[in-house]
């Protein structure tokens, strides 16, 4: 064989070898960075007494037309000078480079803590160099953990910084690189406690069951209810929904889930509450259907027609007509599902005087 032919053949073989390696790398990367695998990491490391989890697939929302309209509709916060400096020195911008993030939350006494895992495009060298100037770095569980003081008003006694380092009593945020493209963070005092956990929570299968049910939704929340979360949700309900009867029924739900799925021209919201009691599920479904009927009657009242802008009234009626309230049987639990469609006209109505 001629020398030139050997060179060409060698180049072809080398090219196929490189393409094969790239294919394997991309396949393994796509698998390792999947939402299911990420939620598995969060579930294994999160506090065993966590009460809720929030998951956001930022990349999927970024590509959804209605989500883009929703982002444009939402008020834009002023750019923080410190964040602008961070973007400039690290080339990381969450609006562009963050792919997905999952939070777990827990309340202990009067304190609330969270633990999060985030996937994205991170220039680890540049970010680490930036953080080395503003944080305390410790080696824990085989990771460099960066602890940064939380942003608190400087005029509160005890909140002043000393030599740029956080005191042990000051709130702080700690995070580390789990590997390329993934970070973990918490506002708890010791991030390594989460990284060192050997066993997943005893109720991990219950969390996983709901993760699988909500898979495909770019935004979802799972709440495991106790007395604290029930009273908190009741206290935050809008004035028109602060009913002792409704609060009592909601308090009997053991799990709550909320999911958002962008459609072509709307955002579908699906909320579910689960209870071991069939009577609770039946009464809750009847009460929610009654709320929808009363709301429609109120919007059709002649006096309300005069007070409300026609476009605003139609948008509210459109939302109520999309409501679908049903009951489901799930093994030993009874569920109530509420489906609503948020449309562009509703967004316009929400911003009108």
Protein backbone atom coordinates (compact mmCIF):
# COMPACT_ATOMS: atom_id res chain seq x y z
CA UNK A 1 0.00 0.00 0.00
CA UNK A 2 1.28 3.41 -0.88
CA UNK A 3 2.35 5.71 1.93
CA UNK A 4 -0.25 8.35 0.97
CA UNK A 5 -3.02 5.75 1.07
CA UNK A 6 -1.94 4.64 4.53
CA UNK A 7 -2.04 8.23 5.73
CA UNK A 8 -5.55 8.75 4.32
CA UNK A 9 -6.78 5.45 5.78
CA UNK A 10 -5.23 6.30 9.15
CA UNK A 11 -6.91 9.71 9.13
CA UNK A 12 -10.29 8.12 8.36
CA UNK A 13 -9.90 5.57 11.18
CA UNK A 14 -8.79 8.32 13.57
CA UNK A 15 -11.77 10.45 12.54
CA UNK A 16 -14.22 7.64 13.21
CA UNK A 17 -12.55 6.99 16.57
CA UNK A 18 -12.89 10.66 17.60
CA UNK A 19 -16.53 10.75 16.47
CA UNK A 20 -17.25 7.59 18.44
CA UNK A 21 -15.67 9.09 21.57
CA UNK A 22 -17.68 12.29 21.13
CA UNK A 23 -20.85 10.26 20.70
CA UNK A 24 -20.20 8.28 23.87
CA UNK A 25 -19.32 11.46 25.78
CA UNK A 26 -22.45 13.28 24.64
CA UNK A 27 -24.63 10.26 25.42
CA UNK A 28 -23.18 9.86 28.89
CA UNK A 29 -23.39 13.62 29.52
CA UNK A 30 -27.03 13.75 28.47
CA UNK A 31 -27.81 10.81 30.75
CA UNK A 32 -25.85 12.15 33.72
CA UNK A 33 -27.43 15.59 33.37
CA UNK A 34 -31.00 14.27 33.04
CA UNK A 35 -33.71 15.71 35.31
CA UNK A 36 -34.33 12.27 36.84
CA UNK A 37 -30.67 11.81 37.77
CA UNK A 38 -30.47 15.34 39.14
CA UNK A 39 -33.56 14.84 41.31
CA UNK A 40 -32.04 11.59 42.52
CA UNK A 41 -28.96 13.51 43.70
CA UNK A 42 -31.17 16.04 45.47
CA UNK A 43 -33.30 13.34 47.09
CA UNK A 44 -30.27 11.49 48.42
CA UNK A 45 -28.62 14.62 49.86
CA UNK A 46 -31.58 16.70 51.03
CA UNK A 47 -32.64 16.92 54.71
CA UNK A 48 -34.60 13.83 55.76
CA UNK A 49 -37.22 16.12 57.31
CA UNK A 50 -37.65 18.24 54.16
CA UNK A 51 -41.19 19.48 53.65
CA UNK A 52 -41.06 20.55 50.01
CA UNK A 53 -39.18 20.41 46.71
CA UNK A 54 -39.23 22.90 43.82
CA UNK A 55 -37.92 21.91 40.37
CA UNK A 56 -37.41 24.31 37.44
CA UNK A 57 -36.15 23.29 34.00
CA UNK A 58 -34.92 26.72 32.94
CA UNK A 59 -33.68 25.47 29.57
CA UNK A 60 -37.07 24.03 28.61
CA UNK A 61 -38.87 27.18 29.71
CA UNK A 62 -36.41 29.30 27.78
CA UNK A 63 -37.55 27.57 24.57
CA UNK A 64 -41.31 27.72 25.25
CA UNK A 65 -43.10 30.59 23.42
CA UNK A 66 -45.65 31.21 26.19
CA UNK A 67 -42.96 31.08 28.87
CA UNK A 68 -41.06 33.76 26.95
CA UNK A 69 -44.19 35.91 27.00
CA UNK A 70 -44.57 35.22 30.72
CA UNK A 71 -40.96 36.33 31.35
CA UNK A 72 -41.58 39.50 29.35
CA UNK A 73 -44.76 40.15 31.36
CA UNK A 74 -43.10 39.69 34.75
CA UNK A 75 -41.52 42.82 36.28
CA UNK A 76 -37.77 43.05 35.74
CA UNK A 77 -35.73 43.54 38.92
CA UNK A 78 -32.99 46.13 38.91
CA UNK A 79 -29.56 44.69 38.19
CA UNK A 80 -27.55 44.36 41.37
CA UNK A 81 -24.04 45.87 40.99
CA UNK A 82 -22.47 42.88 42.73
CA UNK A 83 -24.21 40.46 40.37
CA UNK A 84 -23.15 42.53 37.36
CA UNK A 85 -19.56 42.29 38.60
CA UNK A 86 -19.96 38.54 39.04
CA UNK A 87 -21.22 38.14 35.45
CA UNK A 88 -18.38 40.23 34.10
CA UNK A 89 -15.66 38.27 35.90
CA UNK A 90 -17.09 34.74 35.56
CA UNK A 91 -19.02 34.95 32.27
CA UNK A 92 -21.96 33.19 33.96
CA UNK A 93 -25.44 34.64 33.46
CA UNK A 94 -28.31 32.58 34.87
CA UNK A 95 -30.70 33.79 32.14
CA UNK A 96 -28.42 32.21 29.54
CA UNK A 97 -26.31 29.55 31.27
CA UNK A 98 -28.54 27.95 33.92
CA UNK A 99 -30.21 24.74 32.67
CA UNK A 100 -32.16 23.40 35.64
CA UNK A 101 -32.32 23.76 39.39
CA UNK A 102 -33.97 21.82 42.21
CA UNK A 103 -34.54 23.10 45.76
CA UNK A 104 -35.54 21.29 48.92
CA UNK A 105 -36.84 23.22 51.94
CA UNK A 106 -37.21 22.47 55.64
CA UNK A 107 -38.30 24.48 58.69
CA UNK A 108 -36.77 23.91 62.11
CA UNK A 109 -38.22 26.06 64.83
CA UNK A 110 -38.20 29.64 63.58
CA UNK A 111 -35.51 28.98 60.96
CA UNK A 112 -35.98 27.88 57.35
CA UNK A 113 -33.24 26.12 55.42
CA UNK A 114 -32.84 25.07 51.82
CA UNK A 115 -30.53 22.79 49.86
CA UNK A 116 -30.24 23.07 46.08
CA UNK A 117 -28.62 21.36 43.12
CA UNK A 118 -28.16 23.29 39.84
CA UNK A 119 -27.01 22.23 36.37
CA UNK A 120 -25.63 24.65 33.82
CA UNK A 121 -22.64 25.93 31.91
CA UNK A 122 -20.12 26.92 34.57
CA UNK A 123 -16.57 28.10 33.98
CA UNK A 124 -15.30 26.53 37.18
CA UNK A 125 -11.87 28.17 37.11
CA UNK A 126 -13.21 31.69 36.69
CA UNK A 127 -16.00 31.23 39.23
CA UNK A 128 -13.61 29.69 41.78
CA UNK A 129 -11.14 32.56 41.27
CA UNK A 130 -13.90 35.11 41.83
CA UNK A 131 -15.23 33.36 44.94
CA UNK A 132 -11.78 32.98 46.45
CA UNK A 133 -11.73 36.77 46.85
CA UNK A 134 -15.07 37.10 48.66
CA UNK A 135 -15.57 33.86 50.59
CA UNK A 136 -14.03 31.43 53.04
CA UNK A 137 -12.87 28.22 51.36
CA UNK A 138 -12.77 24.94 53.27
CA UNK A 139 -12.03 21.39 52.18
CA UNK A 140 -14.90 19.10 53.20
CA UNK A 141 -16.05 15.70 51.92
CA UNK A 142 -13.52 15.92 49.10
CA UNK A 143 -14.90 19.24 47.84
CA UNK A 144 -13.87 22.88 48.06
CA UNK A 145 -16.77 24.55 49.88
CA UNK A 146 -17.19 28.30 49.45
CA UNK A 147 -19.04 30.17 52.22
CA UNK A 148 -20.30 33.65 51.39
CA UNK A 149 -22.10 36.07 53.76
CA UNK A 150 -25.78 36.48 52.99
CA UNK A 151 -26.81 39.92 51.77
CA UNK A 152 -28.23 41.66 54.87
CA UNK A 153 -28.82 45.34 55.62
CA UNK A 154 -25.62 46.78 57.05
CA UNK A 155 -27.48 49.08 59.45
CA UNK A 156 -28.70 46.14 61.58
CA UNK A 157 -26.50 45.59 64.67
CA UNK A 158 -24.36 42.48 64.33
CA UNK A 159 -24.56 42.38 60.53
CA UNK A 160 -21.34 44.23 59.84
CA UNK A 161 -18.63 42.22 58.10
CA UNK A 162 -15.21 41.79 59.61
CA UNK A 163 -12.27 41.67 57.19
CA UNK A 164 -14.65 40.49 54.46
CA UNK A 165 -15.25 37.12 56.15
CA UNK A 166 -18.55 35.87 57.54
CA UNK A 167 -18.82 35.33 61.27
CA UNK A 168 -20.12 32.03 62.57
CA UNK A 169 -23.34 33.73 63.70
CA UNK A 170 -24.02 35.51 60.40
CA UNK A 171 -26.31 33.92 57.82
CA UNK A 172 -24.36 32.63 54.87
CA UNK A 173 -24.68 30.70 51.63
CA UNK A 174 -22.30 27.84 50.94
CA UNK A 175 -21.82 25.96 47.71
CA UNK A 176 -19.46 23.62 45.92
CA UNK A 177 -18.88 22.09 42.53
CA UNK A 178 -20.10 18.50 42.56
CA UNK A 179 -18.51 18.07 39.14
CA UNK A 180 -18.33 19.88 35.83
CA UNK A 181 -21.68 21.46 35.08
CA UNK A 182 -23.22 20.91 38.51
CA UNK A 183 -23.16 22.77 41.83
CA UNK A 184 -24.77 22.22 45.23
CA UNK A 185 -25.66 25.03 47.63
CA UNK A 186 -27.35 25.65 50.96
CA UNK A 187 -28.03 28.38 53.50
CA UNK A 188 -27.43 25.87 56.31
CA UNK A 189 -24.29 26.18 58.42
CA UNK A 190 -22.53 23.08 57.05
CA UNK A 191 -22.89 21.99 53.43
CA UNK A 192 -20.72 18.93 54.01
CA UNK A 193 -23.48 17.36 56.14
CA UNK A 194 -25.57 17.02 52.99
CA UNK A 195 -22.67 15.75 50.90
CA UNK A 196 -21.74 13.11 53.50
CA UNK A 197 -25.21 11.55 53.82
CA UNK A 198 -25.00 7.81 53.19
CA UNK A 199 -28.69 6.93 53.00
CA UNK A 200 -31.69 8.46 51.27
CA UNK A 201 -34.74 9.37 53.38
CA UNK A 202 -36.92 6.48 54.49
CA UNK A 203 -39.81 7.94 52.48
CA UNK A 204 -37.70 8.38 49.32
CA UNK A 205 -40.02 6.07 47.30
CA UNK A 206 -42.94 8.41 48.08
CA UNK A 207 -41.01 11.42 46.73
CA UNK A 208 -39.83 9.45 43.68
CA UNK A 209 -43.37 8.34 42.86
CA UNK A 210 -44.47 11.97 42.60
CA UNK A 211 -41.33 13.00 40.68
CA UNK A 212 -42.15 10.39 38.03
CA UNK A 213 -45.77 11.53 37.87
CA UNK A 214 -44.68 15.14 37.24
CA UNK A 215 -41.84 14.29 34.84
CA UNK A 216 -42.09 16.34 31.67
CA UNK A 217 -43.35 19.47 33.42
CA UNK A 218 -40.64 22.14 33.40
CA UNK A 219 -41.87 23.54 36.73
CA UNK A 220 -43.28 21.58 39.63
CA UNK A 221 -43.56 21.63 43.42
CA UNK A 222 -44.03 18.68 45.76
CA UNK A 223 -45.06 19.38 49.37
CA UNK A 224 -45.28 16.84 52.15
CA UNK A 225 -47.81 18.38 54.53
CA UNK A 226 -47.62 18.62 58.28
CA UNK A 227 -49.28 20.99 60.75
CA UNK A 228 -46.74 23.75 60.03
CA UNK A 229 -47.09 23.69 56.23
CA UNK A 230 -50.89 23.46 56.43
CA UNK A 231 -51.18 26.52 58.67
CA UNK A 232 -48.67 28.42 56.52
CA UNK A 233 -50.60 27.73 53.31
CA UNK A 234 -53.88 28.72 54.97
CA UNK A 235 -52.37 32.00 56.20
CA UNK A 236 -51.09 32.89 52.71
CA UNK A 237 -54.38 32.19 50.92
CA UNK A 238 -56.03 35.22 49.24
CA UNK A 239 -58.67 36.94 51.33
CA UNK A 240 -61.53 35.44 49.32
CA UNK A 241 -60.24 31.90 49.97
CA UNK A 242 -59.55 32.26 53.69
CA UNK A 243 -62.35 29.98 54.81
CA UNK A 244 -62.20 27.91 58.02
CA UNK A 245 -63.97 25.04 56.24
CA UNK A 246 -61.55 25.13 53.30
CA UNK A 247 -58.53 25.44 55.61
CA UNK A 248 -59.72 22.45 57.62
CA UNK A 249 -60.02 20.31 54.47
CA UNK A 250 -56.64 21.42 53.12
CA UNK A 251 -55.03 20.57 56.47
CA UNK A 252 -56.14 16.95 56.01
CA UNK A 253 -54.15 16.57 52.78
CA UNK A 254 -50.90 14.66 53.22
CA UNK A 255 -49.29 15.58 49.86
CA UNK A 256 -49.67 18.58 47.57
CA UNK A 257 -48.25 18.89 44.04
CA UNK A 258 -48.28 21.81 41.60
CA UNK A 259 -47.06 21.64 38.02
CA UNK A 260 -46.82 24.13 35.15
CA UNK A 261 -46.77 22.98 31.52
CA UNK A 262 -46.47 25.61 28.75
CA UNK A 263 -48.84 25.04 25.83
CA UNK A 264 -48.68 26.84 22.47
CA UNK A 265 -50.68 29.84 23.71
CA UNK A 266 -51.22 29.18 27.42
CA UNK A 267 -49.74 27.81 30.61
CA UNK A 268 -51.55 24.82 32.07
CA UNK A 269 -51.49 24.66 35.88
CA UNK A 270 -52.24 21.30 37.47
CA UNK A 271 -52.63 21.16 41.27
CA UNK A 272 -53.35 18.01 43.24
CA UNK A 273 -54.02 17.26 46.89
CA UNK A 274 -53.88 13.74 48.30
CA UNK A 275 -55.58 12.39 51.41
CA UNK A 276 -56.17 8.92 52.88
CA UNK A 277 -59.82 9.94 53.45
CA UNK A 278 -62.33 9.59 50.63
CA UNK A 279 -64.73 11.88 52.52
CA UNK A 280 -62.10 14.64 52.63
CA UNK A 281 -61.43 14.38 48.89
CA UNK A 282 -65.14 14.42 48.08
CA UNK A 283 -65.88 17.43 50.30
CA UNK A 284 -62.87 19.34 48.95
CA UNK A 285 -63.86 18.72 45.33
CA UNK A 286 -67.45 19.81 46.04
CA UNK A 287 -66.27 22.96 47.81
CA UNK A 288 -63.87 23.95 45.02
CA UNK A 289 -66.56 23.39 42.38
CA UNK A 290 -68.81 25.61 44.49
CA UNK A 291 -66.14 28.32 44.59
CA UNK A 292 -65.92 28.29 40.77
CA UNK A 293 -69.72 28.52 40.41
CA UNK A 294 -69.94 31.40 42.88
CA UNK A 295 -67.07 33.24 41.15
CA UNK A 296 -68.77 32.93 37.75
CA UNK A 297 -72.05 34.16 39.24
CA UNK A 298 -70.25 37.13 40.79
CA UNK A 299 -68.64 38.09 37.47
CA UNK A 300 -72.03 37.90 35.75
CA UNK A 301 -73.66 40.16 38.35
CA UNK A 302 -74.92 43.40 36.68
CA UNK A 303 -73.12 45.61 39.21
CA UNK A 304 -69.86 43.72 38.65
CA UNK A 305 -70.27 44.11 34.89
CA UNK A 306 -70.38 47.89 35.35
CA UNK A 307 -67.36 47.96 37.66
CA UNK A 308 -65.04 45.68 35.69
CA UNK A 309 -63.34 46.40 32.40
CA UNK A 310 -64.96 44.03 29.82
CA UNK A 311 -61.60 42.59 28.76
CA UNK A 312 -60.65 41.95 32.39
CA UNK A 313 -63.99 40.32 33.15
CA UNK A 314 -63.75 38.10 30.06
CA UNK A 315 -60.24 37.05 31.03
CA UNK A 316 -61.40 35.99 34.50
CA UNK A 317 -64.36 34.13 33.04
CA UNK A 318 -62.04 32.42 30.57
CA UNK A 319 -59.86 31.24 33.47
CA UNK A 320 -62.86 29.93 35.43
CA UNK A 321 -64.31 28.13 32.40
CA UNK A 322 -60.99 26.32 31.92
CA UNK A 323 -61.17 24.99 35.49
CA UNK A 324 -61.52 21.23 35.66
CA UNK A 325 -61.91 19.75 39.14
CA UNK A 326 -61.92 15.99 39.51
CA UNK A 327 -61.28 13.16 42.00
CA UNK A 328 -58.78 10.34 41.47
CA UNK A 329 -58.03 7.05 43.22
CA UNK A 330 -54.32 6.41 43.83
CA UNK A 331 -53.72 3.16 45.70
CA UNK A 332 -54.54 3.96 49.33
CA UNK A 333 -54.84 7.73 48.71
CA UNK A 334 -57.66 9.81 47.26
CA UNK A 335 -56.69 12.81 45.17
CA UNK A 336 -58.39 16.03 44.08
CA UNK A 337 -57.04 17.54 40.86
CA UNK A 338 -57.55 21.14 39.72
CA UNK A 339 -56.57 22.17 36.18
CA UNK A 340 -56.44 25.81 35.05
CA UNK A 341 -55.23 27.46 31.83
CA UNK A 342 -53.42 30.80 32.12
CA UNK A 343 -53.86 32.65 28.81
CA UNK A 344 -52.32 35.82 27.33
CA UNK A 345 -55.59 37.68 27.96
CA UNK A 346 -55.33 36.80 31.65
CA UNK A 347 -51.77 38.16 31.77
CA UNK A 348 -52.98 41.37 30.12
CA UNK A 349 -55.83 41.62 32.62
CA UNK A 350 -53.45 41.13 35.53
CA UNK A 351 -51.45 44.18 34.45
CA UNK A 352 -54.43 46.41 33.73
CA UNK A 353 -55.52 49.03 36.33
